[in-house]
N, C-alpha and C. Protein backbone atom coordinates (compact mmCIF):
# COMPACT_ATOMS: atom_id res chain seq x y z
N UNK A 1 4.91 6.92 -6.90
CA UNK A 1 4.13 6.70 -8.01
C UNK A 1 2.82 6.89 -8.23
N UNK A 2 2.25 6.70 -9.48
CA UNK A 2 0.77 7.34 -9.50
C UNK A 2 -0.03 6.21 -9.25
N UNK A 3 -1.18 6.63 -9.21
CA UNK A 3 -2.11 5.49 -8.73
C UNK A 3 -2.12 3.93 -9.27
N UNK A 4 -2.25 4.47 -10.71
CA UNK A 4 -2.15 2.80 -11.37
C UNK A 4 -0.89 2.35 -11.53
N UNK A 5 0.04 2.84 -11.22
CA UNK A 5 1.38 1.98 -11.08
C UNK A 5 1.43 1.23 -9.71
N UNK A 6 0.83 2.12 -8.68
CA UNK A 6 0.87 1.73 -7.43
C UNK A 6 0.11 0.02 -7.38
N UNK A 7 -1.26 -0.12 -8.24
CA UNK A 7 -1.68 -1.18 -8.44
C UNK A 7 -1.09 -2.19 -9.15
N UNK A 8 -0.23 -1.80 -10.10
CA UNK A 8 0.45 -2.62 -11.02
C UNK A 8 1.63 -3.30 -9.78
N UNK A 9 2.39 -2.35 -9.30
CA UNK A 9 3.02 -2.90 -8.57
C UNK A 9 2.74 -3.94 -7.13
N UNK A 10 1.74 -3.93 -6.74
CA UNK A 10 0.84 -4.67 -5.72
C UNK A 10 0.85 -5.70 -6.42
N UNK A 11 0.37 -6.05 -7.82
CA UNK A 11 -0.05 -6.94 -8.24
C UNK A 11 1.14 -7.85 -8.68
N UNK A 12 2.26 -7.29 -9.10
CA UNK A 12 3.50 -7.86 -9.26
C UNK A 12 4.05 -8.37 -8.41
N UNK A 13 4.47 -7.58 -7.25
CA UNK A 13 4.98 -8.24 -6.07
C UNK A 13 4.42 -9.28 -5.24
N UNK A 14 2.72 -9.29 -5.45
CA UNK A 14 2.46 -10.38 -4.49
C UNK A 14 1.97 -11.35 -5.84
N UNK A 15 2.80 -11.54 -6.95
CA UNK A 15 2.64 -12.58 -8.28
C UNK A 15 1.37 -12.61 -8.45
N UNK A 16 0.18 -11.59 -8.60
CA UNK A 16 -0.98 -11.73 -9.12
C UNK A 16 -2.23 -12.33 -7.77
N UNK A 17 -1.41 -12.62 -6.74
CA UNK A 17 -2.46 -13.19 -5.87
C UNK A 17 -3.10 -11.81 -5.25
N UNK A 18 -2.82 -10.30 -5.10
CA UNK A 18 -3.35 -9.52 -4.77
C UNK A 18 -3.79 -8.32 -5.46
N UNK A 19 -5.11 -8.29 -6.11
CA UNK A 19 -5.50 -7.30 -7.20
C UNK A 19 -6.29 -6.42 -6.87
N UNK A 20 -5.89 -4.93 -6.73
CA UNK A 20 -6.54 -3.79 -5.99
C UNK A 20 -7.22 -3.49 -7.19
N UNK A 21 -8.80 -3.55 -7.46
CA UNK A 21 -9.35 -2.49 -8.14
C UNK A 21 -9.24 -0.87 -7.98
N UNK A 22 -9.17 -0.47 -9.35
CA UNK A 22 -9.22 1.32 -9.00
C UNK A 22 -10.01 1.85 -8.13
N UNK A 23 -11.02 1.10 -8.06
CA UNK A 23 -12.38 1.96 -7.46
C UNK A 23 -12.39 1.45 -5.82
N UNK A 24 -11.27 0.49 -5.34
CA UNK A 24 -10.98 0.61 -4.30
C UNK A 24 -9.38 1.22 -3.51
N UNK A 25 -8.45 1.43 -5.08
CA UNK A 25 -7.39 1.95 -4.73
C UNK A 25 -7.55 3.44 -4.57
N UNK A 26 -7.99 4.02 -5.36
CA UNK A 26 -8.07 5.56 -5.11
C UNK A 26 -8.88 6.02 -4.07
N UNK A 27 -9.90 5.53 -3.46
CA UNK A 27 -10.54 6.07 -2.29
C UNK A 27 -9.68 5.71 -0.96
N UNK A 28 -8.81 4.52 -0.99
CA UNK A 28 -7.69 4.13 -0.20
C UNK A 28 -6.90 5.29 -0.10
N UNK A 29 -6.07 5.52 -1.51
CA UNK A 29 -5.05 6.63 -1.45
C UNK A 29 -5.56 8.19 -0.81
N UNK A 30 -6.94 8.26 -1.14
CA UNK A 30 -7.56 9.61 -0.58
C UNK A 30 -7.63 9.37 0.83
N UNK A 31 -7.89 8.33 1.25
CA UNK A 31 -8.03 8.24 3.30
C UNK A 31 -6.60 8.37 3.29
N UNK A 32 -5.65 7.99 2.86
CA UNK A 32 -4.01 8.01 3.46
C UNK A 32 -3.56 9.57 3.50
N UNK A 33 -3.93 9.85 2.53
CA UNK A 33 -3.79 11.22 2.18
C UNK A 33 -4.36 11.99 3.35
N UNK A 34 -5.52 12.02 3.33
CA UNK A 34 -6.35 12.82 4.69
C UNK A 34 -5.92 12.70 6.12
N UNK A 35 -5.03 11.31 5.92
CA UNK A 35 -4.47 11.18 7.62
C UNK A 35 -3.07 11.51 7.60
N UNK A 36 -2.72 12.07 6.26
CA UNK A 36 -1.33 12.32 6.57
C UNK A 36 -0.44 11.65 6.34
N UNK A 37 -0.76 10.40 5.92
CA UNK A 37 0.23 9.22 5.46
C UNK A 37 1.15 8.92 4.18
N UNK A 38 0.59 9.69 3.33
CA UNK A 38 0.98 10.03 2.39
C UNK A 38 1.14 11.35 1.62
N UNK A 39 1.89 11.85 0.89
CA UNK A 39 1.34 13.20 0.15
C UNK A 39 1.31 12.96 -1.25
N UNK A 40 0.63 13.92 -2.07
CA UNK A 40 0.66 13.88 -3.24
C UNK A 40 1.07 15.09 -4.17
N UNK A 41 1.08 14.96 -5.40
CA UNK A 41 1.72 15.85 -6.18
C UNK A 41 1.31 15.49 -7.42
N UNK A 42 0.92 16.38 -8.63
CA UNK A 42 0.45 16.30 -9.88
C UNK A 42 1.55 16.56 -10.58
N UNK A 43 1.81 15.33 -11.61
CA UNK A 43 2.77 15.41 -12.57
C UNK A 43 2.59 14.51 -13.72
N UNK A 44 3.51 14.58 -14.84
CA UNK A 44 3.31 13.69 -15.82
C UNK A 44 3.77 12.49 -15.47
N UNK A 45 2.74 11.16 -16.12
CA UNK A 45 3.21 9.84 -16.33
C UNK A 45 4.26 9.90 -17.50
N UNK A 46 4.45 8.36 -17.49
CA UNK A 46 5.34 7.87 -18.31
C UNK A 46 4.96 8.39 -19.71
N UNK A 47 3.49 8.07 -19.84
CA UNK A 47 2.57 8.49 -21.15
C UNK A 47 2.56 9.90 -21.21
N UNK A 48 3.06 10.94 -20.68
CA UNK A 48 2.88 12.39 -20.67
C UNK A 48 1.29 12.75 -20.43
N UNK A 49 0.79 12.08 -19.61
CA UNK A 49 -0.76 12.07 -19.24
C UNK A 49 -0.61 13.03 -17.70
N UNK A 50 -1.15 13.40 -17.36
CA UNK A 50 -1.37 14.39 -15.83
C UNK A 50 -1.69 13.12 -15.42
N UNK A 51 -0.91 13.01 -13.98
CA UNK A 51 -1.22 11.95 -13.18
C UNK A 51 -0.80 12.77 -11.63
N UNK A 52 -1.82 11.92 -10.64
CA UNK A 52 -1.31 12.34 -9.49
C UNK A 52 -0.35 11.22 -8.44
N UNK A 53 0.95 11.69 -8.07
CA UNK A 53 1.88 10.96 -7.80
C UNK A 53 1.97 10.64 -6.15
N UNK A 54 2.03 9.45 -5.68
CA UNK A 54 2.13 9.69 -4.19
C UNK A 54 3.59 9.14 -3.80
N UNK A 55 3.65 9.58 -2.76
CA UNK A 55 5.08 9.52 -1.67
C UNK A 55 4.34 9.25 -0.16
N UNK A 56 4.77 8.17 0.50
CA UNK A 56 4.93 8.09 2.03
C UNK A 56 5.24 9.24 2.50
N UNK A 57 4.71 9.83 3.56
CA UNK A 57 5.27 11.16 4.54
C UNK A 57 5.90 10.68 5.61
N UNK A 58 6.47 11.28 6.41
CA UNK A 58 7.52 10.99 7.58
C UNK A 58 6.40 10.25 8.55
N UNK A 59 4.97 10.86 8.75
CA UNK A 59 4.17 10.36 9.44
C UNK A 59 3.76 8.90 8.95
N UNK A 60 3.56 8.75 7.52
CA UNK A 60 3.59 7.33 7.24
C UNK A 60 4.49 6.31 7.15
N UNK A 61 5.62 6.97 7.24
CA UNK A 61 6.86 5.80 7.32
C UNK A 61 6.74 5.22 9.16
N UNK A 62 6.45 6.47 9.75
CA UNK A 62 6.53 5.87 11.10
C UNK A 62 5.25 4.81 11.38
N UNK A 63 3.87 5.26 11.02
CA UNK A 63 2.84 4.23 11.34
C UNK A 63 3.27 3.12 10.30
N UNK A 64 3.92 3.39 9.36
CA UNK A 64 4.08 1.92 8.43
C UNK A 64 4.89 0.96 9.13
N UNK A 65 5.92 1.38 9.89
CA UNK A 65 6.77 0.60 11.04
C UNK A 65 5.85 0.07 12.06
N UNK A 66 5.02 0.91 12.55
CA UNK A 66 4.51 0.33 13.47
C UNK A 66 3.57 -0.81 13.26
N UNK A 67 2.90 -0.60 12.01
CA UNK A 67 1.90 -1.69 11.41
C UNK A 67 2.78 -2.88 11.10
N UNK A 68 3.75 -2.69 10.52
CA UNK A 68 4.73 -3.94 10.31
C UNK A 68 5.01 -4.68 11.42
N UNK A 69 5.37 -3.93 12.57
CA UNK A 69 5.90 -4.91 13.89
C UNK A 69 4.21 -5.36 14.22
N UNK A 70 3.34 -5.05 14.14
CA UNK A 70 2.08 -5.48 14.49
C UNK A 70 1.68 -6.84 13.58
N UNK A 71 2.20 -6.67 12.40
CA UNK A 71 1.54 -7.47 11.35
C UNK A 71 2.54 -9.03 11.59
N UNK A 72 3.87 -8.53 12.01
CA UNK A 72 4.63 -9.92 12.51
C UNK A 72 4.46 -10.41 13.44
N UNK A 73 3.77 -9.87 14.48
CA UNK A 73 3.41 -10.33 15.63
C UNK A 73 2.22 -11.23 15.45
N UNK A 74 1.22 -10.59 14.76
CA UNK A 74 0.10 -11.54 14.42
C UNK A 74 0.50 -12.23 13.33
N UNK A 75 1.08 -12.39 12.48
CA UNK A 75 1.63 -13.77 11.54
C UNK A 75 2.23 -14.85 12.54
N UNK A 76 3.21 -14.15 12.94
CA UNK A 76 3.83 -15.43 13.75
C UNK A 76 2.79 -16.43 14.65
N UNK A 77 1.86 -15.49 15.23
CA UNK A 77 1.25 -16.23 15.97
C UNK A 77 0.28 -17.37 15.16
N UNK A 78 -0.22 -16.66 14.27
CA UNK A 78 -1.05 -17.79 13.52
C UNK A 78 -0.30 -18.70 12.81
N UNK A 79 0.89 -18.48 12.35
CA UNK A 79 1.89 -19.69 12.18
C UNK A 79 1.93 -20.53 13.13
N UNK A 80 2.24 -20.26 14.53
CA UNK A 80 2.23 -21.17 15.68
C UNK A 80 0.73 -22.30 15.52
N UNK A 81 -0.29 -21.26 15.52
CA UNK A 81 -1.38 -21.87 15.80
C UNK A 81 -1.59 -23.22 14.56
N UNK A 82 -1.34 -22.55 13.22
CA UNK A 82 -1.72 -23.54 12.09
C UNK A 82 -0.44 -24.78 12.44
N UNK A 83 0.90 -24.46 12.92
CA UNK A 83 1.45 -25.65 12.92
C UNK A 83 1.05 -26.67 13.85
N UNK A 84 0.52 -26.03 15.00
CA UNK A 84 -0.17 -26.92 15.93
C UNK A 84 -1.15 -28.07 15.31
N UNK A 85 -1.88 -27.65 14.34
CA UNK A 85 -2.77 -28.54 13.84
C UNK A 85 -1.98 -29.44 12.57
N UNK A 86 -0.96 -29.38 12.27
CA UNK A 86 -0.36 -30.18 11.45
C UNK A 86 -0.03 -31.39 12.42
């Protein structure tokens, strides 16, 4: 996806709970690209405008799997703590 579409997809999937401003999105994409977690390629958007398209690299997929496991552990722990207070 190109940058704007990524931001829109995040908004849609989160049901408008997560809105990533372009001023935050593009620097984050550039950092991910520098770290080798995404690859980018120039192409044409749906409106035939020049756009940079991003895709997870193999290293990015591996890192995402690691971070997903870590997130699952911490969110499960938070749920346990919150259930104690109910």
